[in-house]
Amino acid sequence: MDSFPFLIFYTILAVLLGSLPFSVWIGHVTTGEDIRNYGDHNPGATNVLRAGSRGGFLLAMALDISKGALVVGLAYQVWGIQDWRIVPVTLAPVAGHAFSPFLGGKGGKALATAFGVWIGLTIWSLSLAALGLLIFWRLIVSPPGWALLLALICLAIVIAIWFPRPFFLIVLALQSLILLYKEWADLQQRPSFRQRN
């Protein structure tokens, strides 16, 4: 099952699954609105919430995470592809979400899908570390793109110390290119500490 044709199959499946714009579809069904008219105009789960649907937000978030976790988890945990060959499979759902052909190449920020990829790879260990680091930096630094950059740097340190698998760092580096590209507008602003009220 870990032969080259199956890697191609997993990668294509991961791209297709990742490209499904669940948040846009769920937002339309639950609110009757195009969620891209809200907030940061991103086709992501947060804008389903901004459009007024908490249930839709939870469902969209769960599906965006799952489409990152499902194929990666099958390939890594079930079929045992646990070396550098998993790298294209891990990148595929994130790229699919960020550049969805269903949305003319203008996909979401892919953060939830990237989180799902780490669930597929490590179940909860690195995924919870990533979530904790992102929350920590979001509480301290603004704008959000800078918080993401700092969280990714810290996650690379965590991987290097506690999960010394070089291909994990490759996965993180390639994911980071996409995630930070989607946050480029934030990164062009000067970072600052969040004000405490």
Foldseek 3Di string as FASTA:
>chain_A
DPDPVVLVVLLVQLLVLLQPLLQQVLLCVPQVDRLLVDDVSASALVSSVVSPDPPSSVVRLVSLLQSLQPSLLCVCVVVNPPALSSQSSNVNSQCSQCQRVVVVGHHGLSPSSNLSNVCSHPVPDLSVLLVVQLVVLVQWKDDSLVSNVRSLVVSLVCCVPPVVHVSVNVNSVSSCVSNSVNVVVRVVDDMDTDDDD
